[in-house]
């Protein structure tokens, strides 16, 4: 199939939280896709999106949406606890799925999808958005050109308000998982042989900081810190930094917040992540374009976004959870 004969992929979106809304707005602007429906738990969520996308039908019943929308592929952006249930129904209906990570809250639940996933994972792509971030892509090239990696240091700090606004949300699952996936790709999916982790809790017992260390066969070492600690005066999405060291070289990326700041009576960071929906550009647009090519059998699921890649990181998280 050539690009000239590419037919837009009929896609639906499940879940209309922050990322689900962005997926919907981005898909609506892509030539490679046709947004044919959205699914949410509440009618209020559908009504809110209808103000921005008035011609896109919505459902609160997934089975009905599958039958009536005509979607051949779906983006699953609902809560993690619903991922497996929703993905299973879609896969059983023969639909291609882009599933936001992590797959599930537990390894056993994630493993239950295995019988439905094709060997090449062409019907299940994991939403590893950082794979398509321009800084990370350049970092991968630098690491390939410069030689073996000795040390990776990742920090991903988010607002302290998350502890109260999203009770029970462990920064290991909500934040550090992104850096675990990125490290997996930088080290060509090699399996670590050493895991350790430490956690800090608030006075009420909530986890607001996760720190972890991984080592590969006596070689590369990686350290990770993910927290809900940044105060209100910092960027609304906190900040991210990744540093990589090899023999005679090092590199650093700071992809969040993006390098645009605005000041009036206070500072603001209008583009925290490399995501713009109107017109579509940045890492989410590139991820969704890739998914469309995967659905059309024009491209394989990239390394770091297959089901087996996701299961490897899910096992890492299971081991790190054991230290809680």
C-alpha atoms as a PDB file:
ATOM      1  CA  UNK A   1       0.000   0.000   0.000  1.00  0.00           C
ATOM      2  CA  UNK A   2       1.370   3.396  -0.948  1.00  0.00           C
ATOM      3  CA  UNK A   3       0.792   6.671   0.798  1.00  0.00           C
ATOM      4  CA  UNK A   4      -1.169   7.807  -2.284  1.00  0.00           C
ATOM      5  CA  UNK A   5      -3.818   5.123  -1.689  1.00  0.00           C
ATOM      6  CA  UNK A   6      -3.960   5.638   2.085  1.00  0.00           C
ATOM      7  CA  UNK A   7      -7.547   5.635   3.304  1.00  0.00           C
ATOM      8  CA  UNK A   8      -8.222   7.519   6.541  1.00  0.00           C
ATOM      9  CA  UNK A   9      -8.618   5.135   9.465  1.00  0.00           C
ATOM     10  CA  UNK A  10     -12.011   5.264  11.171  1.00  0.00           C
ATOM     11  CA  UNK A  11     -11.087   5.704  14.835  1.00  0.00           C
ATOM     12  CA  UNK A  12     -12.981   6.100  18.088  1.00  0.00           C
ATOM     13  CA  UNK A  13     -11.743   7.327  21.476  1.00  0.00           C
ATOM     14  CA  UNK A  14     -12.707   5.841  24.845  1.00  0.00           C
ATOM     15  CA  UNK A  15     -12.296   8.101  27.865  1.00  0.00           C
ATOM     16  CA  UNK A  16     -12.604  11.892  27.783  1.00  0.00           C
ATOM     17  CA  UNK A  17     -10.233  12.985  30.531  1.00  0.00           C
ATOM     18  CA  UNK A  18      -7.329  15.289  29.738  1.00  0.00           C
ATOM     19  CA  UNK A  19      -5.561  12.897  27.364  1.00  0.00           C
ATOM     20  CA  UNK A  20      -8.750  11.458  25.875  1.00  0.00           C
ATOM     21  CA  UNK A  21      -9.887  14.952  24.931  1.00  0.00           C
ATOM     22  CA  UNK A  22      -6.483  15.711  23.374  1.00  0.00           C
ATOM     23  CA  UNK A  23      -6.586  12.435  21.424  1.00  0.00           C
ATOM     24  CA  UNK A  24     -10.042  13.358  20.126  1.00  0.00           C
ATOM     25  CA  UNK A  25      -9.104  16.892  19.084  1.00  0.00           C
ATOM     26  CA  UNK A  26      -5.880  15.687  17.453  1.00  0.00           C
ATOM     27  CA  UNK A  27      -7.556  12.860  15.524  1.00  0.00           C
ATOM     28  CA  UNK A  28     -10.219  15.277  14.286  1.00  0.00           C
ATOM     29  CA  UNK A  29      -7.473  17.295  12.583  1.00  0.00           C
ATOM     30  CA  UNK A  30      -5.400  14.471  11.079  1.00  0.00           C
ATOM     31  CA  UNK A  31      -5.684  13.637   7.379  1.00  0.00           C
ATOM     32  CA  UNK A  32      -4.760  10.033   8.241  1.00  0.00           C
ATOM     33  CA  UNK A  33      -7.769   9.535  10.522  1.00  0.00           C
ATOM     34  CA  UNK A  34     -11.507  10.027  10.693  1.00  0.00           C
ATOM     35  CA  UNK A  35     -12.836  10.436  14.223  1.00  0.00           C
ATOM     36  CA  UNK A  36     -16.139   8.545  14.127  1.00  0.00           C
ATOM     37  CA  UNK A  37     -17.084   8.410  17.794  1.00  0.00           C
ATOM     38  CA  UNK A  38     -16.194   8.927  21.420  1.00  0.00           C
ATOM     39  CA  UNK A  39     -17.170   7.006  24.548  1.00  0.00           C
ATOM     40  CA  UNK A  40     -17.359   8.340  28.103  1.00  0.00           C
ATOM     41  CA  UNK A  41     -18.816   7.190  31.405  1.00  0.00           C
ATOM     42  CA  UNK A  42     -20.880  10.337  31.864  1.00  0.00           C
ATOM     43  CA  UNK A  43     -23.167  12.202  29.489  1.00  0.00           C
ATOM     44  CA  UNK A  44     -21.706  15.449  30.863  1.00  0.00           C
ATOM     45  CA  UNK A  45     -18.291  14.549  29.401  1.00  0.00           C
ATOM     46  CA  UNK A  46     -19.822  13.934  25.987  1.00  0.00           C
ATOM     47  CA  UNK A  47     -21.691  17.240  26.158  1.00  0.00           C
ATOM     48  CA  UNK A  48     -18.477  19.113  27.022  1.00  0.00           C
ATOM     49  CA  UNK A  49     -16.604  17.682  24.015  1.00  0.00           C
ATOM     50  CA  UNK A  50     -19.596  18.292  21.754  1.00  0.00           C
ATOM     51  CA  UNK A  51     -18.958  22.029  22.142  1.00  0.00           C
ATOM     52  CA  UNK A  52     -15.573  21.533  20.432  1.00  0.00           C
ATOM     53  CA  UNK A  53     -16.489  18.653  18.083  1.00  0.00           C
ATOM     54  CA  UNK A  54     -20.214  19.029  17.421  1.00  0.00           C
ATOM     55  CA  UNK A  55     -20.329  16.527  14.548  1.00  0.00           C
ATOM     56  CA  UNK A  56     -18.713  13.611  16.381  1.00  0.00           C
ATOM     57  CA  UNK A  57     -21.249  11.149  17.864  1.00  0.00           C
ATOM     58  CA  UNK A  58     -20.833   9.978  21.437  1.00  0.00           C
ATOM     59  CA  UNK A  59     -21.932   7.027  23.555  1.00  0.00           C
ATOM     60  CA  UNK A  60     -21.878   6.033  27.209  1.00  0.00           C
ATOM     61  CA  UNK A  61     -22.225   2.332  26.269  1.00  0.00           C
ATOM     62  CA  UNK A  62     -19.095   0.780  24.752  1.00  0.00           C
ATOM     63  CA  UNK A  63     -20.811  -2.220  23.156  1.00  0.00           C
ATOM     64  CA  UNK A  64     -23.296   0.059  21.443  1.00  0.00           C
ATOM     65  CA  UNK A  65     -20.490   2.327  20.252  1.00  0.00           C
ATOM     66  CA  UNK A  66     -18.596  -0.612  18.744  1.00  0.00           C
ATOM     67  CA  UNK A  67     -21.707  -1.724  16.866  1.00  0.00           C
ATOM     68  CA  UNK A  68     -22.896   1.694  15.673  1.00  0.00           C
ATOM     69  CA  UNK A  69     -19.796   3.868  15.158  1.00  0.00           C
ATOM     70  CA  UNK A  70     -18.165   1.981  12.289  1.00  0.00           C
ATOM     71  CA  UNK A  71     -14.758   2.457  13.956  1.00  0.00           C
ATOM     72  CA  UNK A  72     -12.102  -0.029  12.843  1.00  0.00           C
ATOM     73  CA  UNK A  73      -9.639   1.112  15.515  1.00  0.00           C
ATOM     74  CA  UNK A  74      -9.888   2.626  18.977  1.00  0.00           C
ATOM     75  CA  UNK A  75      -7.771   4.751  21.310  1.00  0.00           C
ATOM     76  CA  UNK A  76      -8.260   3.629  24.924  1.00  0.00           C
ATOM     77  CA  UNK A  77      -7.641   6.573  27.261  1.00  0.00           C
ATOM     78  CA  UNK A  78      -9.927   5.699  30.167  1.00  0.00           C
ATOM     79  CA  UNK A  79      -8.738   4.981  33.717  1.00  0.00           C
ATOM     80  CA  UNK A  80      -6.049   2.324  34.153  1.00  0.00           C
ATOM     81  CA  UNK A  81      -8.367   0.065  36.151  1.00  0.00           C
ATOM     82  CA  UNK A  82     -10.658  -0.154  33.081  1.00  0.00           C
ATOM     83  CA  UNK A  83      -7.920  -0.720  30.498  1.00  0.00           C
ATOM     84  CA  UNK A  84      -7.995  -4.509  30.341  1.00  0.00           C
ATOM     85  CA  UNK A  85     -11.784  -4.836  30.370  1.00  0.00           C
ATOM     86  CA  UNK A  86     -12.176  -2.280  27.585  1.00  0.00           C
ATOM     87  CA  UNK A  87      -9.235  -3.549  25.509  1.00  0.00           C
ATOM     88  CA  UNK A  88     -10.482  -7.140  25.780  1.00  0.00           C
ATOM     89  CA  UNK A  89     -13.900  -6.253  24.388  1.00  0.00           C
ATOM     90  CA  UNK A  90     -12.347  -4.322  21.500  1.00  0.00           C
ATOM     91  CA  UNK A  91      -9.866  -7.073  20.631  1.00  0.00           C
ATOM     92  CA  UNK A  92     -12.593  -9.698  20.787  1.00  0.00           C
ATOM     93  CA  UNK A  93     -14.509  -7.648  18.222  1.00  0.00           C
ATOM     94  CA  UNK A  94     -11.465  -7.635  15.925  1.00  0.00           C
ATOM     95  CA  UNK A  95     -10.601  -3.967  16.443  1.00  0.00           C
ATOM     96  CA  UNK A  96      -7.102  -2.484  16.476  1.00  0.00           C
ATOM     97  CA  UNK A  97      -6.285  -0.787  19.779  1.00  0.00           C
ATOM     98  CA  UNK A  98      -3.967   2.002  20.906  1.00  0.00           C
ATOM     99  CA  UNK A  99      -3.865   1.507  24.677  1.00  0.00           C
ATOM    100  CA  UNK A 100      -2.525   4.173  27.005  1.00  0.00           C
ATOM    101  CA  UNK A 101      -0.004   2.855  29.513  1.00  0.00           C
ATOM    102  CA  UNK A 102       0.333   1.185  31.879  1.00  0.00           C
ATOM    103  CA  UNK A 103      -1.724  -1.745  30.609  1.00  0.00           C
ATOM    104  CA  UNK A 104      -3.146  -2.496  34.048  1.00  0.00           C
ATOM    105  CA  UNK A 105      -2.686  -2.064  37.776  1.00  0.00           C
ATOM    106  CA  UNK A 106      -1.381  -5.646  38.096  1.00  0.00           C
ATOM    107  CA  UNK A 107       0.832  -7.975  36.089  1.00  0.00           C
ATOM    108  CA  UNK A 108      -1.719 -10.820  36.179  1.00  0.00           C
ATOM    109  CA  UNK A 109      -4.433  -8.605  34.747  1.00  0.00           C
ATOM    110  CA  UNK A 110      -2.142  -7.375  31.960  1.00  0.00           C
ATOM    111  CA  UNK A 111      -1.141 -10.956  31.108  1.00  0.00           C
ATOM    112  CA  UNK A 112      -4.785 -11.913  30.576  1.00  0.00           C
ATOM    113  CA  UNK A 113      -4.790 -10.082  27.229  1.00  0.00           C
ATOM    114  CA  UNK A 114      -2.045 -12.289  25.772  1.00  0.00           C
ATOM    115  CA  UNK A 115      -4.366 -14.772  23.943  1.00  0.00           C
ATOM    116  CA  UNK A 116      -5.964 -11.878  22.040  1.00  0.00           C
ATOM    117  CA  UNK A 117      -2.770 -10.122  20.924  1.00  0.00           C
ATOM    118  CA  UNK A 118      -1.163 -11.032  17.584  1.00  0.00           C
ATOM    119  CA  UNK A 119       2.478 -12.197  17.716  1.00  0.00           C
ATOM    120  CA  UNK A 120       3.636  -8.956  16.064  1.00  0.00           C
ATOM    121  CA  UNK A 121       1.334  -6.869  18.314  1.00  0.00           C
ATOM    122  CA  UNK A 122      -0.191  -5.305  15.185  1.00  0.00           C
ATOM    123  CA  UNK A 123      -3.643  -5.228  16.788  1.00  0.00           C
ATOM    124  CA  UNK A 124      -2.418  -3.717  20.081  1.00  0.00           C
ATOM    125  CA  UNK A 125      -0.082  -0.722  20.204  1.00  0.00           C
ATOM    126  CA  UNK A 126       0.843   0.809  23.552  1.00  0.00           C
ATOM    127  CA  UNK A 127       0.513   4.572  23.909  1.00  0.00           C
ATOM    128  CA  UNK A 128       4.188   5.355  24.454  1.00  0.00           C
ATOM    129  CA  UNK A 129       3.920   9.026  23.533  1.00  0.00           C
ATOM    130  CA  UNK A 130       7.514   9.865  24.507  1.00  0.00           C
ATOM    131  CA  UNK A 131       8.776   7.662  21.669  1.00  0.00           C
ATOM    132  CA  UNK A 132       7.552  10.403  19.359  1.00  0.00           C
ATOM    133  CA  UNK A 133       8.915  13.351  21.338  1.00  0.00           C
ATOM    134  CA  UNK A 134      11.455  15.226  19.211  1.00  0.00           C
ATOM    135  CA  UNK A 135      14.026  15.613  22.025  1.00  0.00           C
ATOM    136  CA  UNK A 136      13.824  11.934  22.929  1.00  0.00           C
ATOM    137  CA  UNK A 137      14.180  10.883  19.291  1.00  0.00           C
ATOM    138  CA  UNK A 138      17.314  12.994  19.031  1.00  0.00           C
ATOM    139  CA  UNK A 139      18.616  11.534  22.303  1.00  0.00           C
ATOM    140  CA  UNK A 140      18.182   8.015  20.898  1.00  0.00           C
ATOM    141  CA  UNK A 141      20.216   8.991  17.834  1.00  0.00           C
ATOM    142  CA  UNK A 142      22.961  10.516  19.979  1.00  0.00           C
ATOM    143  CA  UNK A 143      23.138   7.382  22.133  1.00  0.00           C
ATOM    144  CA  UNK A 144      23.313   5.127  19.057  1.00  0.00           C
ATOM    145  CA  UNK A 145      26.097   7.189  17.519  1.00  0.00           C
ATOM    146  CA  UNK A 146      28.173   7.773  20.656  1.00  0.00           C
ATOM    147  CA  UNK A 147      28.354   4.266  22.026  1.00  0.00           C
ATOM    148  CA  UNK A 148      27.360   2.272  25.101  1.00  0.00           C
ATOM    149  CA  UNK A 149      25.415   3.923  27.899  1.00  0.00           C
ATOM    150  CA  UNK A 150      26.843   3.838  31.415  1.00  0.00           C
ATOM    151  CA  UNK A 151      24.231   5.750  33.408  1.00  0.00           C
ATOM    152  CA  UNK A 152      20.713   7.111  32.944  1.00  0.00           C
ATOM    153  CA  UNK A 153      19.154   9.545  35.420  1.00  0.00           C
ATOM    154  CA  UNK A 154      15.471  10.440  35.070  1.00  0.00           C
ATOM    155  CA  UNK A 155      13.402  12.841  37.171  1.00  0.00           C
ATOM    156  CA  UNK A 156       9.697  13.516  36.696  1.00  0.00           C
ATOM    157  CA  UNK A 157       8.142  15.781  39.310  1.00  0.00           C
ATOM    158  CA  UNK A 158       4.452  16.690  39.365  1.00  0.00           C
ATOM    159  CA  UNK A 159       2.312  19.086  41.484  1.00  0.00           C
ATOM    160  CA  UNK A 160       1.849  18.318  45.167  1.00  0.00           C
ATOM    161  CA  UNK A 161      -1.890  18.925  44.682  1.00  0.00           C
ATOM    162  CA  UNK A 162      -2.196  15.516  42.956  1.00  0.00           C
ATOM    163  CA  UNK A 163      -1.999  13.787  46.358  1.00  0.00           C
ATOM    164  CA  UNK A 164      -5.306  15.356  47.405  1.00  0.00           C
ATOM    165  CA  UNK A 165      -6.955  15.506  43.983  1.00  0.00           C
ATOM    166  CA  UNK A 166      -6.211  11.908  42.987  1.00  0.00           C
ATOM    167  CA  UNK A 167      -6.067   9.841  46.203  1.00  0.00           C
ATOM    168  CA  UNK A 168      -4.059   6.628  46.004  1.00  0.00           C
ATOM    169  CA  UNK A 169      -2.321   7.454  42.710  1.00  0.00           C
ATOM    170  CA  UNK A 170       1.233   6.144  43.067  1.00  0.00           C
ATOM    171  CA  UNK A 171       3.827   8.261  41.185  1.00  0.00           C
ATOM    172  CA  UNK A 172       5.503   4.973  40.175  1.00  0.00           C
ATOM    173  CA  UNK A 173       2.479   4.120  38.010  1.00  0.00           C
ATOM    174  CA  UNK A 174       1.430   7.618  36.952  1.00  0.00           C
ATOM    175  CA  UNK A 175       4.802   9.265  36.310  1.00  0.00           C
ATOM    176  CA  UNK A 176       7.864   7.005  36.587  1.00  0.00           C
ATOM    177  CA  UNK A 177       6.371   4.497  34.139  1.00  0.00           C
ATOM    178  CA  UNK A 178       7.108   6.941  31.273  1.00  0.00           C
ATOM    179  CA  UNK A 179      10.814   6.959  32.116  1.00  0.00           C
ATOM    180  CA  UNK A 180      10.907   3.177  32.551  1.00  0.00           C
ATOM    181  CA  UNK A 181       9.573   2.820  29.001  1.00  0.00           C
ATOM    182  CA  UNK A 182      12.074   5.369  27.671  1.00  0.00           C
ATOM    183  CA  UNK A 183      14.978   3.604  29.383  1.00  0.00           C
ATOM    184  CA  UNK A 184      13.791   0.277  27.986  1.00  0.00           C
ATOM    185  CA  UNK A 185      14.084   1.718  24.465  1.00  0.00           C
ATOM    186  CA  UNK A 186      17.468   3.377  25.091  1.00  0.00           C
ATOM    187  CA  UNK A 187      18.868   0.034  26.274  1.00  0.00           C
ATOM    188  CA  UNK A 188      17.303  -2.068  23.477  1.00  0.00           C
ATOM    189  CA  UNK A 189      14.875  -3.889  25.766  1.00  0.00           C
ATOM    190  CA  UNK A 190      17.660  -5.540  27.802  1.00  0.00           C
ATOM    191  CA  UNK A 191      16.465  -7.079  31.061  1.00  0.00           C
ATOM    192  CA  UNK A 192      17.868  -5.638  34.324  1.00  0.00           C
ATOM    193  CA  UNK A 193      19.237  -8.015  36.934  1.00  0.00           C
ATOM    194  CA  UNK A 194      18.978  -5.672  39.933  1.00  0.00           C
ATOM    195  CA  UNK A 195      15.982  -3.718  41.260  1.00  0.00           C
ATOM    196  CA  UNK A 196      15.641  -1.481  44.299  1.00  0.00           C
ATOM    197  CA  UNK A 197      13.196   1.235  45.312  1.00  0.00           C
ATOM    198  CA  UNK A 198      12.333   3.600  48.128  1.00  0.00           C
ATOM    199  CA  UNK A 199       9.141   5.559  48.819  1.00  0.00           C
ATOM    200  CA  UNK A 200       8.302   8.676  50.818  1.00  0.00           C
ATOM    201  CA  UNK A 201       4.861   9.090  52.393  1.00  0.00           C
ATOM    202  CA  UNK A 202       2.918  12.095  53.566  1.00  0.00           C
ATOM    203  CA  UNK A 203       1.653  12.416  57.139  1.00  0.00           C
ATOM    204  CA  UNK A 204      -1.555  10.691  56.001  1.00  0.00           C
ATOM    205  CA  UNK A 205       0.341   7.748  54.499  1.00  0.00           C
ATOM    206  CA  UNK A 206      -0.016   8.679  50.822  1.00  0.00           C
ATOM    207  CA  UNK A 207       3.009   8.055  48.590  1.00  0.00           C
ATOM    208  CA  UNK A 208       4.280  11.351  47.180  1.00  0.00           C
ATOM    209  CA  UNK A 209       7.758  10.228  46.054  1.00  0.00           C
ATOM    210  CA  UNK A 210       9.079   7.076  44.394  1.00  0.00           C
ATOM    211  CA  UNK A 211      12.809   6.545  43.856  1.00  0.00           C
ATOM    212  CA  UNK A 212      14.125   3.483  42.029  1.00  0.00           C
ATOM    213  CA  UNK A 213      17.376   2.013  40.754  1.00  0.00           C
ATOM    214  CA  UNK A 214      17.924  -0.587  38.021  1.00  0.00           C
ATOM    215  CA  UNK A 215      21.164  -2.204  36.859  1.00  0.00           C
ATOM    216  CA  UNK A 216      21.841  -4.306  33.771  1.00  0.00           C
ATOM    217  CA  UNK A 217      24.206  -7.273  34.096  1.00  0.00           C
ATOM    218  CA  UNK A 218      26.855  -5.330  35.976  1.00  0.00           C
ATOM    219  CA  UNK A 219      26.803  -2.671  33.232  1.00  0.00           C
ATOM    220  CA  UNK A 220      24.476   0.302  32.815  1.00  0.00           C
ATOM    221  CA  UNK A 221      22.816   1.780  35.878  1.00  0.00           C
ATOM    222  CA  UNK A 222      19.603   3.816  35.819  1.00  0.00           C
ATOM    223  CA  UNK A 223      18.044   5.895  38.565  1.00  0.00           C
ATOM    224  CA  UNK A 224      14.520   7.278  38.619  1.00  0.00           C
ATOM    225  CA  UNK A 225      12.694   9.803  40.772  1.00  0.00           C
ATOM    226  CA  UNK A 226       9.003  10.573  40.367  1.00  0.00           C
ATOM    227  CA  UNK A 227       7.063  12.729  42.789  1.00  0.00           C
ATOM    228  CA  UNK A 228       4.046  14.831  43.653  1.00  0.00           C
ATOM    229  CA  UNK A 229       6.104  17.545  45.307  1.00  0.00           C
ATOM    230  CA  UNK A 230       6.219  20.669  43.125  1.00  0.00           C
ATOM    231  CA  UNK A 231       4.512  23.735  44.679  1.00  0.00           C
ATOM    232  CA  UNK A 232       1.844  25.883  43.049  1.00  0.00           C
ATOM    233  CA  UNK A 233       4.364  28.461  41.814  1.00  0.00           C
ATOM    234  CA  UNK A 234       6.117  25.970  39.525  1.00  0.00           C
ATOM    235  CA  UNK A 235       4.906  24.923  36.029  1.00  0.00           C
ATOM    236  CA  UNK A 236       1.442  23.274  36.153  1.00  0.00           C
ATOM    237  CA  UNK A 237       2.820  19.935  34.933  1.00  0.00           C
ATOM    238  CA  UNK A 238       5.926  20.081  37.120  1.00  0.00           C
ATOM    239  CA  UNK A 239       9.149  19.349  35.239  1.00  0.00           C
ATOM    240  CA  UNK A 240      10.998  16.470  33.578  1.00  0.00           C
ATOM    241  CA  UNK A 241      14.688  15.903  32.958  1.00  0.00           C
ATOM    242  CA  UNK A 242      16.628  12.961  31.506  1.00  0.00           C
ATOM    243  CA  UNK A 243      20.424  12.709  31.546  1.00  0.00           C
ATOM    244  CA  UNK A 244      22.428   9.993  29.818  1.00  0.00           C
ATOM    245  CA  UNK A 245      26.145   9.315  30.281  1.00  0.00           C
ATOM    246  CA  UNK A 246      28.501   7.170  28.213  1.00  0.00           C
ATOM    247  CA  UNK A 247      32.267   6.915  27.890  1.00  0.00           C
ATOM    248  CA  UNK A 248      33.445  10.415  27.014  1.00  0.00           C
ATOM    249  CA  UNK A 249      29.963  11.832  26.370  1.00  0.00           C
ATOM    250  CA  UNK A 250      26.735  12.858  28.047  1.00  0.00           C
ATOM    251  CA  UNK A 251      23.404  14.310  26.971  1.00  0.00           C
ATOM    252  CA  UNK A 252      20.455  15.979  28.664  1.00  0.00           C
ATOM    253  CA  UNK A 253      16.890  16.685  27.623  1.00  0.00           C
ATOM    254  CA  UNK A 254      14.363  18.796  29.532  1.00  0.00           C
ATOM    255  CA  UNK A 255      11.146  18.299  27.523  1.00  0.00           C
ATOM    256  CA  UNK A 256       8.733  19.620  30.162  1.00  0.00           C
ATOM    257  CA  UNK A 257       7.876  22.442  30.323  1.00  0.00           C
ATOM    258  CA  UNK A 258       8.470  23.515  26.741  1.00  0.00           C
ATOM    259  CA  UNK A 259      10.756  26.548  26.324  1.00  0.00           C
ATOM    260  CA  UNK A 260       8.044  29.189  26.251  1.00  0.00           C
ATOM    261  CA  UNK A 261       7.104  31.158  29.347  1.00  0.00           C
ATOM    262  CA  UNK A 262       4.618  34.000  29.729  1.00  0.00           C
ATOM    263  CA  UNK A 263       4.512  36.594  32.505  1.00  0.00           C
ATOM    264  CA  UNK A 264       1.821  39.031  33.572  1.00  0.00           C
ATOM    265  CA  UNK A 265       0.750  39.098  37.215  1.00  0.00           C
ATOM    266  CA  UNK A 266       2.265  35.616  37.480  1.00  0.00           C
ATOM    267  CA  UNK A 267       4.344  33.217  35.375  1.00  0.00           C
ATOM    268  CA  UNK A 268       2.699  30.632  33.139  1.00  0.00           C
ATOM    269  CA  UNK A 269       3.881  27.862  30.828  1.00  0.00           C
ATOM    270  CA  UNK A 270       1.295  27.593  28.040  1.00  0.00           C
ATOM    271  CA  UNK A 271       2.864  24.563  26.340  1.00  0.00           C
ATOM    272  CA  UNK A 272       3.926  22.134  29.058  1.00  0.00           C
ATOM    273  CA  UNK A 273       4.198  19.163  26.699  1.00  0.00           C
ATOM    274  CA  UNK A 274       5.005  18.832  22.999  1.00  0.00           C
ATOM    275  CA  UNK A 275       1.317  18.417  22.175  1.00  0.00           C
ATOM    276  CA  UNK A 276      -0.790  20.753  20.043  1.00  0.00           C
ATOM    277  CA  UNK A 277      -4.200  19.703  18.754  1.00  0.00           C
ATOM    278  CA  UNK A 278      -5.103  22.672  16.562  1.00  0.00           C
ATOM    279  CA  UNK A 279      -3.484  22.206  14.147  1.00  0.00           C
ATOM    280  CA  UNK A 280      -2.182  18.764  15.175  1.00  0.00           C
ATOM    281  CA  UNK A 281       1.554  18.726  15.825  1.00  0.00           C
ATOM    282  CA  UNK A 282       4.023  17.267  18.277  1.00  0.00           C
ATOM    283  CA  UNK A 283       4.353  13.861  19.859  1.00  0.00           C
ATOM    284  CA  UNK A 284       0.661  12.943  20.166  1.00  0.00           C
ATOM    285  CA  UNK A 285       0.006  13.730  16.505  1.00  0.00           C
ATOM    286  CA  UNK A 286       3.012  11.638  15.466  1.00  0.00           C
ATOM    287  CA  UNK A 287       1.934   8.749  17.705  1.00  0.00           C
ATOM    288  CA  UNK A 288      -1.553   8.734  16.186  1.00  0.00           C
ATOM    289  CA  UNK A 289      -0.175   8.978  12.647  1.00  0.00           C
ATOM    290  CA  UNK A 290       2.012   5.961  13.434  1.00  0.00           C
ATOM    291  CA  UNK A 291      -1.026   4.068  14.774  1.00  0.00           C
ATOM    292  CA  UNK A 292      -2.905   4.769  11.538  1.00  0.00           C
ATOM    293  CA  UNK A 293       0.005   3.354   9.521  1.00  0.00           C
ATOM    294  CA  UNK A 294       0.065   0.289  11.786  1.00  0.00           C
ATOM    295  CA  UNK A 295      -3.664  -0.261  11.229  1.00  0.00           C
ATOM    296  CA  UNK A 296      -3.117   0.002   7.451  1.00  0.00           C
ATOM    297  CA  UNK A 297      -0.209  -2.513   7.613  1.00  0.00           C
ATOM    298  CA  UNK A 298       2.199   0.142   6.364  1.00  0.00           C
ATOM    299  CA  UNK A 299       4.419   0.031   9.451  1.00  0.00           C
ATOM    300  CA  UNK A 300       5.219  -2.317  12.312  1.00  0.00           C
ATOM    301  CA  UNK A 301       4.511  -1.302  15.898  1.00  0.00           C
ATOM    302  CA  UNK A 302       7.720   0.486  16.999  1.00  0.00           C
ATOM    303  CA  UNK A 303      10.029  -0.907  19.648  1.00  0.00           C
ATOM    304  CA  UNK A 304       8.804   0.198  23.049  1.00  0.00           C
ATOM    305  CA  UNK A 305       5.140   0.172  22.006  1.00  0.00           C
ATOM    306  CA  UNK A 306       4.438  -3.556  21.515  1.00  0.00           C
ATOM    307  CA  UNK A 307       2.510  -5.706  23.956  1.00  0.00           C
ATOM    308  CA  UNK A 308       5.671  -7.649  24.869  1.00  0.00           C
ATOM    309  CA  UNK A 309       7.511  -4.377  25.560  1.00  0.00           C
ATOM    310  CA  UNK A 310       4.658  -3.255  27.797  1.00  0.00           C
ATOM    311  CA  UNK A 311       4.684  -6.571  29.643  1.00  0.00           C
ATOM    312  CA  UNK A 312       8.413  -6.235  30.296  1.00  0.00           C
ATOM    313  CA  UNK A 313       7.904  -2.815  31.911  1.00  0.00           C
ATOM    314  CA  UNK A 314       4.848  -4.152  33.765  1.00  0.00           C
ATOM    315  CA  UNK A 315       7.116  -6.825  35.307  1.00  0.00           C
ATOM    316  CA  UNK A 316       9.646  -4.161  36.277  1.00  0.00           C
ATOM    317  CA  UNK A 317       6.906  -2.191  38.021  1.00  0.00           C
ATOM    318  CA  UNK A 318       5.732  -5.321  39.820  1.00  0.00           C
ATOM    319  CA  UNK A 319       9.248  -5.816  41.209  1.00  0.00           C
ATOM    320  CA  UNK A 320       9.517  -2.155  42.238  1.00  0.00           C
ATOM    321  CA  UNK A 321       6.081  -2.344  43.879  1.00  0.00           C
ATOM    322  CA  UNK A 322       7.411  -5.077  46.134  1.00  0.00           C
ATOM    323  CA  UNK A 323       9.481  -2.425  47.943  1.00  0.00           C
ATOM    324  CA  UNK A 324       6.411  -0.391  48.993  1.00  0.00           C
END
